[in-house]
Amino acid sequence: MGRAFEFRKERKMKRWGHMARVFTKLGKEITIAVKQGGPDVVGNPRLRALMAEARSESMPKENIERAIKKATDKSLGDYKEVIYEGYGPFGIAYLVETATDNTTRTVANVRSYFTKCGGSLGTSGSVSFMFDHKCVFRIKEDPAKPLDLDELELELIDYGADEVFRQEVEDEDENVTSEIMIYGDYTSYGAIQKFIEDGGYELISGGFEQIPNVDLKDVTPEQRATLEKLTGLLEDDEDVTNVYTTMKPAEE
């Protein structure tokens, strides 16, 4: 069938793997959001943002319903959000966010990944000071009506945003669309989301990220391979929702 078929097959397999991880992560976040703010999307802004993200990721309806049921059914387990900190090899700091119903299992797994790759799990506070907790929103941009970024940023500053920029996104079919990224302090989440909703912008997702506030460390290709192995082990764990490091990204 030729190289083109193999190329598309590889991209599709990667997409399926990505979808499985995203659905698991979103399911847990929806459960936690419902637990904290109730199942009514009108009164739960975090749940509204997650539902928008679930739609953008084509998450099946039954997955969403299962996540909501887990939050409201007392007979089912409960998720806890736990952050683990540590150092990978070559002095690279790691911040690992998890959502788990069994912290004993999760900490044992996370520790084993660090140990296997020559790193070590640290104590609370050992690396978190190297990261800033930010809220982040993605809104869709209509190609026929491009937004004035300078004007948008000036408006958003009053709501707690500190960075607004445009990015081009390519899907698995190589279609390119434009999105607007908005970053702000995590305490500004509600105010920024209200601005987006009141302004009639199409919300793709809203959540939180840990942004390194230190100079990112460059590594050799050999060191990067080891570090990426550790990152992969962590990301493939079903309890892990996000992995952040102080490693400088590879140049494309």
Protein backbone atom coordinates (compact mmCIF):
# COMPACT_ATOMS: atom_id res chain seq x y z
CA MET A 1 0.00 0.00 0.00
CA GLY A 2 3.02 2.27 0.02
CA ARG A 3 4.63 4.84 2.27
CA ALA A 4 1.66 7.21 2.28
CA PHE A 5 -0.55 4.54 3.83
CA GLU A 6 2.09 3.66 6.45
CA PHE A 7 2.57 7.34 7.26
CA ARG A 8 -1.16 7.92 7.77
CA LYS A 9 -1.48 4.66 9.72
CA GLU A 10 1.31 5.73 12.09
CA ARG A 11 -0.27 9.16 12.62
CA LYS A 12 -3.67 7.58 13.25
CA MET A 13 -2.25 5.12 15.78
CA LYS A 14 -0.56 7.99 17.61
CA ARG A 15 -3.86 9.89 17.55
CA TRP A 16 -5.72 6.91 19.01
CA GLY A 17 -3.13 6.62 21.77
CA HIS A 18 -3.47 10.35 22.46
CA MET A 19 -7.28 10.10 22.54
CA ALA A 20 -7.21 7.26 25.06
CA ARG A 21 -5.01 9.30 27.43
CA VAL A 22 -7.06 12.46 26.94
CA PHE A 23 -10.36 10.65 27.59
CA THR A 24 -8.98 9.11 30.81
CA LYS A 25 -7.65 12.47 31.98
CA LEU A 26 -10.84 14.36 31.11
CA GLY A 27 -12.98 11.70 32.77
CA LYS A 28 -11.12 12.11 36.04
CA GLU A 29 -11.18 15.91 35.84
CA ILE A 30 -14.93 15.88 35.15
CA THR A 31 -15.47 13.61 38.17
CA ILE A 32 -13.44 15.95 40.38
CA ALA A 33 -15.21 19.06 39.03
CA VAL A 34 -18.64 17.53 39.71
CA LYS A 35 -17.53 16.47 43.19
CA GLN A 36 -16.39 20.01 43.96
CA GLY A 37 -19.08 22.08 42.25
CA GLY A 38 -22.03 19.80 41.47
CA PRO A 39 -23.33 18.32 38.18
CA ASP A 40 -25.16 21.47 37.00
CA VAL A 41 -23.00 23.11 34.31
CA VAL A 42 -24.78 26.45 34.79
CA GLY A 43 -23.41 26.84 38.30
CA ASN A 44 -20.11 25.02 37.75
CA PRO A 45 -17.73 26.99 35.49
CA ARG A 46 -14.95 24.40 35.72
CA LEU A 47 -17.35 21.70 34.53
CA ARG A 48 -18.52 23.94 31.64
CA ALA A 49 -14.93 24.35 30.44
CA LEU A 50 -14.28 20.62 30.71
CA MET A 51 -17.44 19.82 28.76
CA ALA A 52 -16.29 22.19 26.02
CA GLU A 53 -12.92 20.43 25.93
CA ALA A 54 -14.63 17.02 25.86
CA ARG A 55 -16.62 18.13 22.81
CA SER A 56 -13.50 19.45 21.06
CA GLU A 57 -11.77 16.11 21.67
CA SER A 58 -14.83 14.12 20.45
CA MET A 59 -15.10 12.35 23.80
CA PRO A 60 -17.98 9.81 23.69
CA LYS A 61 -21.14 10.78 25.58
CA GLU A 62 -21.07 7.55 27.59
CA ASN A 63 -17.57 8.40 28.90
CA ILE A 64 -18.83 11.77 30.13
CA GLU A 65 -21.90 10.22 31.78
CA ARG A 66 -19.70 7.60 33.46
CA ALA A 67 -17.43 10.31 34.88
CA ILE A 68 -20.40 12.27 36.26
CA LYS A 69 -21.90 9.11 37.77
CA LYS A 70 -18.61 8.34 39.53
CA ALA A 71 -18.85 11.70 41.29
CA THR A 72 -22.47 11.30 42.37
CA ASP A 73 -22.56 7.58 43.16
CA LYS A 74 -21.33 7.05 46.72
CA SER A 75 -20.75 3.35 46.04
CA LEU A 76 -17.98 4.18 43.58
CA GLY A 77 -14.45 5.26 44.43
CA ASP A 78 -13.34 8.86 44.85
CA TYR A 79 -10.43 10.60 43.09
CA LYS A 80 -7.89 12.74 44.91
CA GLU A 81 -5.57 15.20 43.17
CA VAL A 82 -1.99 14.66 44.33
CA ILE A 83 1.20 16.32 43.05
CA TYR A 84 4.52 14.48 43.19
CA GLU A 85 7.88 16.21 42.87
CA GLY A 86 11.29 14.85 42.04
CA TYR A 87 14.41 14.96 39.93
CA GLY A 88 15.06 12.95 36.83
CA PRO A 89 18.64 12.22 35.79
CA PHE A 90 20.95 15.10 34.77
CA GLY A 91 19.35 17.51 37.27
CA ILE A 92 16.02 17.91 35.49
CA ALA A 93 13.16 18.80 37.83
CA TYR A 94 9.82 16.99 37.45
CA LEU A 95 6.37 17.99 38.64
CA VAL A 96 3.82 15.17 38.26
CA GLU A 97 0.09 15.82 38.66
CA THR A 98 -2.13 12.84 39.39
CA ALA A 99 -5.79 12.04 40.02
CA THR A 100 -6.04 8.76 41.91
CA ASP A 101 -8.37 6.61 43.96
CA ASN A 102 -5.41 4.76 45.49
CA THR A 103 -2.49 6.95 46.60
CA THR A 104 -0.49 3.94 47.81
CA ARG A 105 -0.49 2.47 44.31
CA THR A 106 0.22 5.79 42.64
CA VAL A 107 3.20 6.85 44.76
CA ALA A 108 4.74 3.37 44.41
CA ASN A 109 4.41 3.52 40.63
CA VAL A 110 5.75 7.06 40.34
CA ARG A 111 8.72 6.24 42.58
CA SER A 112 9.51 3.14 40.53
CA TYR A 113 9.61 5.16 37.28
CA PHE A 114 12.06 7.67 38.77
CA THR A 115 14.25 4.89 40.16
CA LYS A 116 14.21 2.91 36.91
CA CYS A 117 15.51 5.93 34.97
CA GLY A 118 18.15 7.08 37.45
CA GLY A 119 16.07 9.78 39.14
CA SER A 120 14.55 10.16 42.58
CA LEU A 121 11.18 11.11 44.01
CA GLY A 122 11.45 14.18 46.25
CA THR A 123 9.47 15.69 49.07
CA SER A 124 6.69 18.25 48.81
CA GLY A 125 8.16 21.65 47.92
CA SER A 126 11.42 20.27 46.57
CA VAL A 127 10.79 21.50 43.00
CA SER A 128 7.37 23.21 43.01
CA PHE A 129 9.03 26.61 43.57
CA MET A 130 10.47 26.30 40.04
CA PHE A 131 6.98 26.40 38.52
CA ASP A 132 4.19 28.99 38.39
CA HIS A 133 0.61 27.72 38.60
CA LYS A 134 -1.31 29.28 35.68
CA CYS A 135 -4.79 29.04 34.24
CA VAL A 136 -4.90 28.57 30.49
CA PHE A 137 -7.73 28.91 27.98
CA ARG A 138 -7.96 28.08 24.29
CA ILE A 139 -10.55 29.86 22.18
CA LYS A 140 -11.35 29.23 18.52
CA GLU A 141 -10.64 31.94 15.98
CA ASP A 142 -12.86 32.40 12.94
CA PRO A 143 -10.50 32.64 9.91
CA ALA A 144 -12.98 35.01 8.26
CA LYS A 145 -12.90 37.34 11.28
CA PRO A 146 -9.39 37.34 12.80
CA LEU A 147 -9.22 38.85 16.26
CA ASP A 148 -7.20 41.94 17.12
CA LEU A 149 -4.77 40.43 19.65
CA ASP A 150 -3.56 43.75 21.04
CA GLU A 151 -7.11 44.89 21.73
CA LEU A 152 -8.07 41.52 23.20
CA GLU A 153 -5.02 41.48 25.47
CA LEU A 154 -5.73 45.01 26.74
CA GLU A 155 -9.25 43.92 27.71
CA LEU A 156 -8.09 40.68 29.31
CA ILE A 157 -5.43 42.34 31.47
CA ASP A 158 -8.23 43.72 33.64
CA TYR A 159 -9.41 40.14 34.22
CA GLY A 160 -6.02 38.79 35.28
CA ALA A 161 -4.52 37.60 31.99
CA ASP A 162 -0.78 38.08 31.59
CA GLU A 163 -0.16 36.53 28.15
CA VAL A 164 -2.28 36.27 25.00
CA PHE A 165 -1.04 34.85 21.71
CA ARG A 166 -2.14 33.06 18.55
CA GLN A 167 -1.05 29.55 17.58
CA GLU A 168 -1.60 27.42 14.51
CA VAL A 169 -2.84 23.86 15.17
CA GLU A 170 -2.64 20.94 12.75
CA ASP A 171 -4.98 17.98 13.16
CA GLU A 172 -4.37 14.36 12.11
CA ASP A 173 -5.65 15.16 8.61
CA GLU A 174 -3.14 18.04 8.31
CA ASN A 175 -5.87 20.70 8.45
CA VAL A 176 -4.52 23.89 10.05
CA THR A 177 -6.71 26.05 12.29
CA SER A 178 -5.98 29.09 14.43
CA GLU A 179 -6.49 29.27 18.19
CA ILE A 180 -5.99 32.03 20.75
CA MET A 181 -4.12 31.04 23.92
CA ILE A 182 -4.76 32.98 27.13
CA TYR A 183 -2.62 32.57 30.26
CA GLY A 184 -3.15 34.11 33.68
CA ASP A 185 -2.61 33.48 37.38
CA TYR A 186 -4.58 30.45 38.55
CA THR A 187 -6.70 32.68 40.81
CA SER A 188 -7.98 34.51 37.69
CA TYR A 189 -9.62 31.39 36.23
CA GLY A 190 -13.21 32.37 36.98
CA ALA A 191 -12.85 35.99 35.84
CA ILE A 192 -11.20 35.07 32.52
CA GLN A 193 -13.74 32.33 31.80
CA LYS A 194 -16.61 34.77 32.47
CA PHE A 195 -15.04 37.26 30.03
CA ILE A 196 -14.79 34.56 27.35
CA GLU A 197 -18.37 33.38 27.84
CA ASP A 198 -19.88 36.88 28.09
CA GLY A 199 -17.97 37.93 24.97
CA GLY A 200 -19.42 35.09 22.92
CA TYR A 201 -16.04 33.52 22.14
CA GLU A 202 -15.98 29.79 21.34
CA LEU A 203 -14.18 28.07 24.22
CA ILE A 204 -12.15 25.00 23.25
CA SER A 205 -10.73 24.26 26.68
CA GLY A 206 -9.96 25.82 30.04
CA GLY A 207 -7.67 24.41 32.67
CA PHE A 208 -4.44 24.82 34.59
CA GLU A 209 -0.75 24.34 33.81
CA GLN A 210 2.54 24.51 35.67
CA ILE A 211 4.93 26.87 33.84
CA PRO A 212 8.68 26.72 34.67
CA ASN A 213 9.96 30.03 36.08
CA VAL A 214 13.65 29.07 35.82
CA ASP A 215 15.95 28.79 32.84
CA LEU A 216 15.26 25.52 31.06
CA LYS A 217 18.19 23.14 30.98
CA ASP A 218 19.66 21.96 27.68
CA VAL A 219 20.61 18.30 27.39
CA THR A 220 22.44 16.09 24.90
CA PRO A 221 20.48 13.79 22.55
CA GLU A 222 21.52 10.79 24.65
CA GLN A 223 20.38 12.46 27.87
CA ARG A 224 17.11 13.52 26.23
CA ALA A 225 16.40 9.90 25.27
CA THR A 226 16.69 8.82 28.92
CA LEU A 227 14.57 11.73 30.14
CA GLU A 228 11.91 11.09 27.51
CA LYS A 229 11.79 7.47 28.64
CA LEU A 230 10.99 8.66 32.17
CA THR A 231 8.42 11.15 30.88
CA GLY A 232 6.81 8.40 28.78
CA LEU A 233 6.57 6.00 31.71
CA LEU A 234 4.89 8.69 33.81
CA GLU A 235 2.49 9.82 31.08
CA ASP A 236 1.44 6.23 30.33
CA ASP A 237 0.36 5.68 33.94
CA GLU A 238 -3.43 5.94 34.19
CA ASP A 239 -3.21 7.89 37.45
CA VAL A 240 -1.00 10.63 35.95
CA THR A 241 -2.77 13.62 34.38
CA ASN A 242 0.16 15.96 33.60
CA VAL A 243 3.96 15.89 33.62
CA TYR A 244 6.04 19.10 33.70
CA THR A 245 9.84 19.39 33.56
CA THR A 246 12.61 21.98 33.41
CA MET A 247 14.13 20.35 30.31
CA LYS A 248 14.59 22.63 27.32
CA PRO A 249 12.42 21.44 24.38
CA ALA A 250 14.19 19.85 21.43
CA GLU A 251 14.72 22.09 18.44
CA GLU A 252 12.61 21.10 15.45
